[in-house]
Structure formats: C-alpha cells, structure tokens
Protein backbone atom coordinates (compact mmCIF):
# COMPACT_ATOMS: atom_id res chain seq x y z
CA UNK A 1 20.58 153.10 87.09
CA UNK A 2 21.03 156.04 84.76
CA UNK A 3 21.25 154.15 81.43
CA UNK A 4 19.47 150.86 80.61
CA UNK A 5 22.52 149.97 78.53
CA UNK A 6 24.50 149.26 81.72
CA UNK A 7 21.91 146.85 83.12
CA UNK A 8 22.54 143.10 83.20
CA UNK A 9 20.65 141.56 80.23
CA UNK A 10 19.90 138.51 82.40
CA UNK A 11 17.79 140.74 84.68
CA UNK A 12 16.24 143.33 82.37
CA UNK A 13 16.68 142.01 78.85
CA UNK A 14 18.31 143.76 75.96
CA UNK A 15 18.30 147.55 75.80
CA UNK A 16 16.69 149.24 72.81
CA UNK A 17 18.73 151.74 70.80
CA UNK A 18 16.88 154.71 69.26
CA UNK A 19 17.80 156.68 66.14
CA UNK A 20 19.73 159.23 68.19
CA UNK A 21 21.88 156.50 69.74
CA UNK A 22 20.17 156.43 73.13
CA UNK A 23 20.12 153.12 74.99
CA UNK A 24 16.61 152.74 76.40
CA UNK A 25 14.29 150.17 77.93
CA UNK A 26 13.34 147.38 75.52
CA UNK A 27 9.62 148.25 75.86
CA UNK A 28 10.32 151.41 73.88
CA UNK A 29 11.00 149.14 70.91
CA UNK A 30 7.46 147.80 71.17
CA UNK A 31 6.11 151.37 71.16
CA UNK A 32 8.08 152.17 68.00
CA UNK A 33 6.80 149.04 66.29
CA UNK A 34 3.19 149.77 67.25
CA UNK A 35 3.26 153.49 66.47
CA UNK A 36 5.60 153.34 63.45
CA UNK A 37 7.17 156.57 64.70
CA UNK A 38 10.83 157.09 65.65
CA UNK A 39 11.42 157.74 69.34
CA UNK A 40 14.45 159.20 71.10
CA UNK A 41 16.22 159.66 74.43
CA UNK A 42 13.47 162.09 75.45
CA UNK A 43 10.95 159.23 75.35
CA UNK A 44 12.70 157.22 78.06
CA UNK A 45 13.56 158.21 81.61
CA UNK A 46 15.04 156.17 84.43
CA UNK A 47 14.99 156.79 88.17
CA UNK A 48 18.75 157.16 88.09
CA UNK A 49 18.57 159.89 85.44
CA UNK A 50 15.90 161.78 87.41
CA UNK A 51 18.00 161.78 90.58
CA UNK A 52 21.18 162.57 88.62
CA UNK A 53 19.54 165.61 87.00
CA UNK A 54 18.32 166.89 90.36
CA UNK A 55 21.73 166.46 91.97
CA UNK A 56 23.46 168.23 89.08
CA UNK A 57 21.02 171.15 89.37
CA UNK A 58 21.71 171.37 93.09
CA UNK A 59 25.46 171.40 92.38
CA UNK A 60 24.99 174.27 89.93
CA UNK A 61 23.03 176.22 92.53
CA UNK A 62 19.76 176.22 90.59
CA UNK A 63 17.79 175.56 93.78
CA UNK A 64 19.39 178.59 95.50
CA UNK A 65 20.52 176.54 98.47
CA UNK A 66 17.09 175.21 99.40
CA UNK A 67 16.78 171.73 100.92
CA UNK A 68 16.47 169.22 98.06
CA UNK A 69 13.61 166.79 98.71
CA UNK A 70 11.59 164.17 96.89
CA UNK A 71 8.69 166.63 96.89
CA UNK A 72 8.87 169.00 95.10
CA UNK A 73 12.28 168.56 93.41
CA UNK A 74 12.14 164.91 92.28
CA UNK A 75 8.46 165.09 91.35
CA UNK A 76 9.00 168.35 89.45
CA UNK A 77 11.80 166.73 87.45
CA UNK A 78 9.51 163.81 86.54
CA UNK A 79 6.75 166.19 85.41
CA UNK A 80 9.27 168.16 83.37
CA UNK A 81 10.26 164.95 81.57
CA UNK A 82 6.60 164.37 80.64
CA UNK A 83 6.10 167.92 79.44
CA UNK A 84 9.29 167.85 77.38
CA UNK A 85 7.73 165.71 74.63
CA UNK A 86 4.33 167.43 74.65
CA UNK A 87 5.01 170.09 71.95
CA UNK A 88 3.83 168.92 68.56
CA UNK A 89 1.79 166.02 69.94
CA UNK A 90 -1.94 165.74 70.62
CA UNK A 91 -1.58 162.94 73.18
CA UNK A 92 1.32 161.90 75.39
CA UNK A 93 1.12 158.31 76.57
CA UNK A 94 3.19 157.81 79.72
CA UNK A 95 3.99 154.40 81.15
CA UNK A 96 4.87 154.39 84.84
CA UNK A 97 6.70 151.10 85.31
CA UNK A 98 6.96 149.02 88.43
CA UNK A 99 4.29 147.78 90.78
CA UNK A 100 1.90 149.85 92.87
CA UNK A 101 3.11 149.79 96.47
CA UNK A 102 6.82 149.58 95.64
CA UNK A 103 8.89 152.29 97.30
CA UNK A 104 10.72 152.98 94.03
CA UNK A 105 7.54 153.95 92.17
CA UNK A 106 6.05 156.27 94.80
CA UNK A 107 7.70 159.49 93.53
CA UNK A 108 6.45 158.75 90.01
CA UNK A 109 2.89 158.09 91.17
CA UNK A 110 2.94 161.28 93.23
CA UNK A 111 4.22 163.16 90.17
CA UNK A 112 1.37 162.03 87.93
CA UNK A 113 -1.15 162.77 90.69
CA UNK A 114 0.14 166.34 90.79
CA UNK A 115 0.28 166.49 87.01
CA UNK A 116 -3.43 165.80 86.60
CA UNK A 117 -4.29 168.55 89.04
CA UNK A 118 -2.12 170.97 87.09
CA UNK A 119 -3.49 170.23 83.61
CA UNK A 120 -7.10 169.51 84.66
CA UNK A 121 -9.13 166.33 84.88
CA UNK A 122 -10.46 166.81 81.35
CA UNK A 123 -6.91 166.74 79.95
CA UNK A 124 -5.51 163.67 81.70
CA UNK A 125 -6.74 160.23 82.63
CA UNK A 126 -5.32 157.25 84.48
CA UNK A 127 -5.28 153.73 83.02
CA UNK A 128 -4.27 151.04 85.49
CA UNK A 129 -2.94 147.71 84.23
CA UNK A 130 -3.70 144.95 86.72
CA UNK A 131 -3.49 141.17 86.95
CA UNK A 132 -6.57 139.00 87.42
CA UNK A 133 -5.07 135.57 88.16
CA UNK A 134 -6.78 132.34 87.17
CA UNK A 135 -6.65 129.60 89.80
CA UNK A 136 -6.69 126.36 87.83
CA UNK A 137 -7.41 124.14 90.86
CA UNK A 138 -10.57 126.13 91.66
CA UNK A 139 -11.44 126.87 88.05
CA UNK A 140 -12.04 130.56 88.74
CA UNK A 141 -10.42 133.96 88.55
CA UNK A 142 -9.61 136.05 91.60
CA UNK A 143 -10.32 139.79 91.71
CA UNK A 144 -8.75 140.50 95.12
CA UNK A 145 -5.30 141.46 93.75
CA UNK A 146 -6.95 144.03 91.50
CA UNK A 147 -9.05 145.40 94.36
CA UNK A 148 -5.99 145.77 96.60
CA UNK A 149 -3.93 147.37 93.83
CA UNK A 150 -6.59 149.98 93.12
CA UNK A 151 -7.01 150.62 96.86
CA UNK A 152 -3.25 151.32 97.09
CA UNK A 153 -3.58 153.85 94.27
CA UNK A 154 -6.58 155.53 95.86
CA UNK A 155 -4.70 155.88 99.14
CA UNK A 156 -2.16 158.13 97.41
CA UNK A 157 -4.85 160.11 95.62
CA UNK A 158 -5.14 158.38 92.24
CA UNK A 159 -8.52 157.06 91.09
CA UNK A 160 -8.10 154.99 87.90
CA UNK A 161 -10.40 155.93 85.03
CA UNK A 162 -9.86 152.62 83.22
CA UNK A 163 -8.70 149.19 84.29
CA UNK A 164 -6.97 146.87 81.84
CA UNK A 165 -7.25 143.40 83.33
CA UNK A 166 -4.60 140.90 82.28
CA UNK A 167 -5.78 137.32 82.55
CA UNK A 168 -5.20 133.88 81.12
CA UNK A 169 -8.80 133.64 79.95
CA UNK A 170 -11.57 136.08 78.94
CA UNK A 171 -13.48 137.58 81.87
CA UNK A 172 -17.19 136.96 82.33
CA UNK A 173 -19.50 139.98 82.70
CA UNK A 174 -20.23 139.17 86.33
CA UNK A 175 -16.50 139.30 87.12
CA UNK A 176 -16.15 142.63 85.32
CA UNK A 177 -19.15 144.03 87.22
CA UNK A 178 -17.59 142.94 90.52
CA UNK A 179 -14.32 144.64 89.61
CA UNK A 180 -16.15 147.81 88.56
CA UNK A 181 -18.14 147.91 91.79
CA UNK A 182 -15.23 147.41 94.20
CA UNK A 183 -12.78 149.56 92.23
CA UNK A 184 -15.17 152.50 91.75
CA UNK A 185 -15.10 152.56 87.93
CA UNK A 186 -17.76 152.23 85.25
CA UNK A 187 -18.55 148.75 83.91
CA UNK A 188 -17.45 149.84 80.43
CA UNK A 189 -14.14 151.04 81.85
CA UNK A 190 -13.10 147.48 82.74
CA UNK A 191 -11.16 146.32 79.68
CA UNK A 192 -10.12 142.69 79.53
CA UNK A 193 -6.78 141.65 78.06
CA UNK A 194 -6.66 137.84 77.95
CA UNK A 195 -3.68 135.88 76.65
CA UNK A 196 -3.51 135.92 72.85
CA UNK A 197 -1.19 134.17 70.37
CA UNK A 198 0.61 137.40 69.51
CA UNK A 199 0.96 140.80 71.14
CA UNK A 200 -0.15 142.39 67.86
CA UNK A 201 -3.64 140.97 68.40
CA UNK A 202 -4.17 143.14 71.49
CA UNK A 203 -5.15 146.36 69.62
CA UNK A 204 -7.86 144.40 67.79
CA UNK A 205 -9.18 143.14 71.13
CA UNK A 206 -9.18 146.67 72.59
CA UNK A 207 -10.94 148.07 69.53
CA UNK A 208 -13.60 145.37 69.74
CA UNK A 209 -14.32 146.48 73.32
CA UNK A 210 -14.53 150.15 72.33
CA UNK A 211 -11.57 151.14 74.49
CA UNK A 212 -10.27 153.84 72.12
CA UNK A 213 -13.75 155.38 71.70
CA UNK A 214 -14.15 155.72 75.47
CA UNK A 215 -10.70 157.28 75.86
CA UNK A 216 -11.41 159.75 73.03
CA UNK A 217 -14.71 160.65 74.64
CA UNK A 218 -13.13 161.29 78.05
CA UNK A 219 -10.40 163.49 76.54
CA UNK A 220 -12.89 165.20 74.22
CA UNK A 221 -10.89 164.31 71.14
CA UNK A 222 -12.26 163.64 67.65
CA UNK A 223 -10.60 161.29 65.17
CA UNK A 224 -11.76 159.12 62.26
CA UNK A 225 -12.52 155.46 62.80
CA UNK A 226 -9.29 153.53 62.25
CA UNK A 227 -8.96 151.26 59.22
CA UNK A 228 -7.44 148.12 60.68
CA UNK A 229 -7.56 145.99 57.52
CA UNK A 230 -3.78 145.90 57.10
CA UNK A 231 -3.34 145.25 60.80
CA UNK A 232 -5.71 142.26 60.64
CA UNK A 233 -3.79 140.94 57.63
CA UNK A 234 -0.55 141.23 59.59
CA UNK A 235 -2.04 139.32 62.53
CA UNK A 236 -3.28 136.68 60.10
CA UNK A 237 0.25 136.25 58.78
CA UNK A 238 1.46 135.70 62.36
CA UNK A 239 -1.24 133.32 63.56
CA UNK A 240 -1.93 131.41 60.34
CA UNK A 241 1.12 131.65 58.06
CA UNK A 242 1.34 129.74 54.80
CA UNK A 243 4.62 128.11 55.83
CA UNK A 244 6.89 127.75 58.85
CA UNK A 245 10.66 127.75 59.31
CA UNK A 246 12.81 126.69 62.23
CA UNK A 247 15.64 129.05 63.16
CA UNK A 248 18.27 128.19 65.75
CA UNK A 249 19.63 131.18 67.68
CA UNK A 250 22.93 130.23 69.28
CA UNK A 251 24.04 132.75 71.89
CA UNK A 252 25.47 133.26 75.36
CA UNK A 253 22.39 134.62 77.17
CA UNK A 254 19.66 132.34 75.81
CA UNK A 255 18.37 131.44 79.28
CA UNK A 256 16.55 134.79 79.19
CA UNK A 257 15.33 135.44 75.65
CA UNK A 258 14.62 139.12 76.28
CA UNK A 259 18.41 139.45 76.15
CA UNK A 260 17.98 139.15 72.38
CA UNK A 261 14.68 140.98 72.00
CA UNK A 262 15.69 142.87 68.84
CA UNK A 263 16.82 139.63 67.20
CA UNK A 264 13.55 137.95 68.14
CA UNK A 265 11.42 140.78 66.77
CA UNK A 266 13.50 141.11 63.59
CA UNK A 267 13.03 137.42 62.79
CA UNK A 268 9.32 137.55 63.59
CA UNK A 269 8.81 140.62 61.43
CA UNK A 270 10.82 139.05 58.63
CA UNK A 271 8.38 136.16 58.81
CA UNK A 272 5.39 138.52 58.74
CA UNK A 273 6.65 140.20 55.57
CA UNK A 274 6.99 136.81 53.87
CA UNK A 275 3.84 135.22 55.37
CA UNK A 276 6.02 132.64 57.11
CA UNK A 277 5.86 131.57 60.72
CA UNK A 278 9.22 131.60 62.48
CA UNK A 279 9.84 129.02 65.20
CA UNK A 280 12.83 130.09 67.26
CA UNK A 281 14.99 127.71 69.26
CA UNK A 282 17.09 129.59 71.83
CA UNK A 283 20.19 127.43 72.23
CA UNK A 284 23.19 128.04 74.45
CA UNK A 285 26.51 128.03 72.63
CA UNK A 286 27.93 125.99 75.51
CA UNK A 287 26.05 122.95 74.12
CA UNK A 288 28.18 122.85 70.96
CA UNK A 289 31.03 120.85 72.44
CA UNK A 290 32.20 119.05 69.28
CA UNK A 291 31.66 119.03 65.49
CA UNK A 292 29.53 115.91 65.80
CA UNK A 293 27.35 117.41 68.51
CA UNK A 294 26.96 120.62 66.52
CA UNK A 295 25.81 118.74 63.41
CA UNK A 296 23.37 116.72 65.48
CA UNK A 297 21.78 119.85 66.97
CA UNK A 298 21.56 121.87 63.74
CA UNK A 299 20.54 119.18 61.26
CA UNK A 300 16.82 119.83 61.79
CA UNK A 301 16.91 123.62 61.34
CA UNK A 302 16.38 125.83 58.31
CA UNK A 303 18.73 128.58 59.48
CA UNK A 304 21.27 129.60 62.10
CA UNK A 305 21.67 133.02 63.67
CA UNK A 306 24.52 133.84 66.05
CA UNK A 307 24.00 137.22 67.80
CA UNK A 308 26.40 139.47 69.69
CA UNK A 309 27.92 139.05 73.11
CA UNK A 310 30.95 139.79 75.24
CA UNK A 311 33.69 137.69 76.83
CA UNK A 312 35.37 134.45 75.88
CA UNK A 313 32.73 132.08 77.32
CA UNK A 314 30.82 130.24 74.62
CA UNK A 315 32.88 131.51 71.67
CA UNK A 316 34.24 128.07 70.79
CA UNK A 317 30.68 126.74 70.78
CA UNK A 318 29.69 129.47 68.35
CA UNK A 319 32.58 128.50 66.09
CA UNK A 320 31.46 124.86 66.10
CA UNK A 321 27.85 125.86 65.35
CA UNK A 322 28.94 128.04 62.44
CA UNK A 323 31.18 125.26 61.11
CA UNK A 324 28.27 122.82 61.20
CA UNK A 325 25.99 125.27 59.38
CA UNK A 326 28.59 125.71 56.64
CA UNK A 327 29.16 121.98 56.24
CA UNK A 328 25.42 121.24 56.27
CA UNK A 329 24.64 124.15 53.88
CA UNK A 330 22.37 125.78 56.45
CA UNK A 331 21.83 129.54 55.86
CA UNK A 332 23.75 131.50 58.46
CA UNK A 333 23.59 135.06 59.76
CA UNK A 334 26.16 136.45 62.18
CA UNK A 335 25.68 139.67 64.10
CA UNK A 336 28.63 141.38 65.80
CA UNK A 337 30.33 138.57 67.75
CA UNK A 338 28.50 136.07 65.52
CA UNK A 339 30.22 137.39 62.39
CA UNK A 340 33.52 137.60 64.26
CA UNK A 341 33.18 133.91 65.13
CA UNK A 342 32.38 133.15 61.48
CA UNK A 343 35.66 134.70 60.36
CA UNK A 344 37.53 132.64 62.97
CA UNK A 345 35.78 129.48 61.76
CA UNK A 346 36.52 130.21 58.10
CA UNK A 347 40.18 130.88 58.83
CA UNK A 348 40.56 127.71 60.87
CA UNK A 349 38.67 125.16 58.78
CA UNK A 350 38.68 126.53 55.23
CA UNK A 351 42.00 128.37 55.07
CA UNK A 352 43.48 125.85 57.55
CA UNK A 353 44.95 128.50 59.83
CA UNK A 354 44.34 126.30 62.84
CA UNK A 355 45.52 128.75 65.47
CA UNK A 356 43.33 131.62 64.26
CA UNK A 357 41.47 133.54 66.94
CA UNK A 358 40.52 137.05 67.99
CA UNK A 359 42.86 139.10 70.14
CA UNK A 360 39.76 139.99 72.17
CA UNK A 361 39.60 136.42 73.47
CA UNK A 362 43.18 135.24 72.97
CA UNK A 363 45.56 138.22 73.23
CA UNK A 364 48.58 135.97 72.61
CA UNK A 365 47.28 134.33 69.42
CA UNK A 366 50.00 134.47 66.72
CA UNK A 367 47.74 135.69 63.91
CA UNK A 368 49.34 136.14 60.48
CA UNK A 369 51.66 139.02 61.30
CA UNK A 370 54.73 136.91 62.01
CA UNK A 371 55.63 136.51 58.32
CA UNK A 372 55.14 132.76 58.32
CA UNK A 373 55.48 131.46 54.73
CA UNK A 374 52.62 129.00 55.32
CA UNK A 375 49.96 131.69 54.93
CA UNK A 376 49.61 131.12 51.18
CA UNK A 377 51.30 127.73 50.89
CA UNK A 378 49.87 124.63 49.33
CA UNK A 379 46.15 124.09 49.57
CA UNK A 380 45.49 127.57 50.94
CA UNK A 381 47.28 129.13 47.99
CA UNK A 382 45.26 127.05 45.51
CA UNK A 383 42.00 128.01 47.25
CA UNK A 384 42.91 131.70 47.08
CA UNK A 385 43.98 131.57 43.41
CA UNK A 386 40.91 129.61 42.28
CA UNK A 387 38.08 131.16 44.26
CA UNK A 388 39.19 134.52 45.66
CA UNK A 389 41.80 136.05 43.35
CA UNK A 390 39.52 136.04 40.24
CA UNK A 391 37.17 138.39 42.07
CA UNK A 392 39.88 140.92 42.83
CA UNK A 393 40.97 143.38 40.18
CA UNK A 394 43.39 146.29 40.24
CA UNK A 395 42.13 149.60 38.90
CA UNK A 396 44.55 151.76 36.95
CA UNK A 397 45.19 155.14 38.47
CA UNK A 398 44.29 154.14 42.01
CA UNK A 399 46.67 155.37 44.66
CA UNK A 400 49.05 152.62 45.66
CA UNK A 401 47.32 150.36 43.10
CA UNK A 402 44.39 149.83 45.49
CA UNK A 403 42.20 146.80 44.94
CA UNK A 404 38.46 146.40 44.76
CA UNK A 405 36.32 143.29 44.95
CA UNK A 406 33.95 143.00 42.00
CA UNK A 407 30.50 141.47 42.21
CA UNK A 408 31.68 138.36 40.43
CA UNK A 409 33.22 137.11 43.66
CA UNK A 410 29.84 136.53 45.31
CA UNK A 411 28.43 134.24 42.58
CA UNK A 412 31.69 132.29 42.55
CA UNK A 413 31.51 131.68 46.30
CA UNK A 414 27.84 130.72 45.93
CA UNK A 415 28.81 128.26 43.20
CA UNK A 416 31.50 126.86 45.45
CA UNK A 417 28.88 126.39 48.15
CA UNK A 418 26.44 124.73 45.74
CA UNK A 419 29.08 122.20 44.66
CA UNK A 420 29.25 120.76 48.15
CA UNK A 421 27.26 117.60 48.66
CA UNK A 422 24.59 117.88 51.33
CA UNK A 423 24.71 115.15 53.99
CA UNK A 424 21.86 112.61 53.59
CA UNK A 425 20.20 113.57 56.87
CA UNK A 426 20.14 117.23 55.81
CA UNK A 427 18.67 116.39 52.39
CA UNK A 428 15.95 114.27 54.01
CA UNK A 429 15.03 117.07 56.43
CA UNK A 430 14.72 119.64 53.63
CA UNK A 431 12.52 117.29 51.59
CA UNK A 432 10.27 116.63 54.56
CA UNK A 433 10.02 120.37 55.17
CA UNK A 434 9.07 120.89 51.48
CA UNK A 435 11.86 123.46 51.17
C-alpha cells in the first residue's frame, strides 16, 4: 500500500494525520506524543511508496535504461528516505516494522545493513526488539524465539548492538546472561521491557536500566542528564489518579480499538491533564436497538463519545445512543459522523421532524426543502420562538440583513437542559460516583 489512509482500520487501526495533512501509520502518533515534536510525511514511508517512487523514476528514465532490481534500486530508495530527514537533527531513529524473516522486510533490513557500512559503525547502531514469551504452565520464560530471531538477523549481516526484550514479567539476571551469551551481545545490552500499566512508564524503566547512557556512549554523544520529574508526575496521574470516569465510545469499528486510536489517546490525555483516570467502554452502535436498550446501556456512564465512520450501518444505533444521552443528561461529544448523527437525533426527537436523515445514508429523504408548512408549526414553532429566536439578532448594515448568533443562546440552551428532570437511576448513579 502507498498510503496508510487506504488501509482497512480493522486490520491496521486508524491512520495518523500529521500537520502537513499526510496520512501515516498510527505509531507515528506515539512518536509525536513522546517527542513533543511535529512530524510530517517525510517521517513515514511504506513499501508501496518505495516501489512507486522507483517505478516512477524508471518511467522518467532516471536509471538510464538499466535493469531495475531490489538491489541497488529499492535499497537505495530506502536509504534516501532515511537520509532525507537527517539535516538539522543529531539523531535519526528509524523503526523497521515487520518481523525478521518475513519476505516483505528483507529489502529494508538489507538497506540498513548497507547504511551502517556507509556511515561507519561509530555513527549507527542496531536495536532489536524481540519477544521473550512466558509459559504459564511451566512457570518460566523461553529465550529460543529471541535466539532464532537474532540468528536470522546475523545471517543477513546484521549484529544487534542492543536487545529490548518484551515479556510479561521482569527477566532474571540468569535469563539475561543466557540471552547475551547466545545472541553475542554484552550483558548490559540486554534491556528488559516487561508489561507495565501504561506505555508512558517505559521510558522510566529504560532510564533505570541505563539504556540511554549506553546508547549515548556507543554513539559518542554528550547530553545532560534528563529531568524526568514532570514525566513521573504524568505517569502518577495515569496509574494513581484522584478520580475515575467511565466514558462510553459508541462506534462502528469497536471490535478493534486501534481503529479509534486518536480518540483513545485524546481521552486518556484529557484525563492526565485533569488527574482523572478514564475507563473506556468500546461499544458497537449495533447494540442500540431501541430507546429502552440505549438508556439501559448508558445509564452507568459519565459521558458518551460517538466518533466518525462511513456507511449507513450502525447510524440508527448512534442516533438512539445520542438520544439516550440527551434524555439522561449525559455529557456528549460527537466527532464527524457522531455530530452528524446528533443533528439527525435533535431534528427527529426535539424538533419532531420524524423523517429527518442525511442524504449520505438516505438519498431519498424529503428533508425540509419541499416547502411543507409543518416546519415551524405548533410545538416546533413555540420551541424555536422561546429557546432559539432570542439568541438570534439582526445587525444593521449587514448585507442581506445577515444574522448572527449571540453568546446568550448557549446559556439559554444550558438552562433548558438543566430544567429537565434526571431519571432516578441516573441520579443514583451520579451520587454513587460522587459526581
């Protein structure tokens, strides 16, 4: 694939959009959050883009008619992508995705092998991330997968300088010594990365093991000791918050939560800023089959978020979920399709335009363009005059007597919301939650 934006979110998760509008792999979002630096299209490359660039160069005659091959043309294009972001940076961190031994990753591994030879061993190092599985039945970890993975790398000419060992539990020193011996690395170069409550705890674990110091020493770089006080405070807010809230995310692709990675991270980071833990419930919109069912599902949540999506499937469920949140006075946030569904719900159940829909899902829906006199009749007219019209004022001198909505409309709608009586079950839940 050339662009991650065209990949099925069920397979690869949500794509990450950079400041320059590029649709990239979602992992790039993690790098931005960790580094606090904006990234761009240049920071992400796919196999499809590499091959596309090579083919386009061949079409333009840049190879002067020579036979285009994986080596050197594909590998040269990969190296060029790495070098492209080098100016202005002291260190370029390159992730080669995939699994060692896969056919797809071989050109990339060959490219970085060549790259190290070109820039010199003192200017490049290899860090290999490997899995050390824990066998619960035997009560022990197994190092064979790591040994075989490193052996595969060495067969193509890459000797890892560091091993980061993912595991369910911390590794004992004797296990790390065994890995170091069979993988031909120093004992101190075996860095453990056991499961932790939050991904943001990993840098603290690496720093405790002296990983950064060893990397700096190998690359002959000098930098001050990092002050991780704020980082530790952030981790504290994640692992031991002063309060917790339950947020229901109602979407179409909730079977694979990476489909909504940006939503997940935004809610988590909102909780960090407020020292509140956020418990997310990923709920399929197909479950909201009736108003009663929707109220039953949402009654125990502090908030509802409906994210984006495409296609008609699940839209009616979103509408029912949004209706329940309005009737139960549950805070609601709609993104893209979620806000579109909110407008449909408001038109149907507040303005009583029962056949309201979006032409995206119902091209034949009548809408309000057929001059039906019922649009502002009766109850709808009274609602508009009492709660909406007072917030709209005409400004003298505006072309065509244009209208603007003043800020008084928002408090009036909030007052309208506050006047509604909360259902008893909702009131009891909020009291029990101390909110």
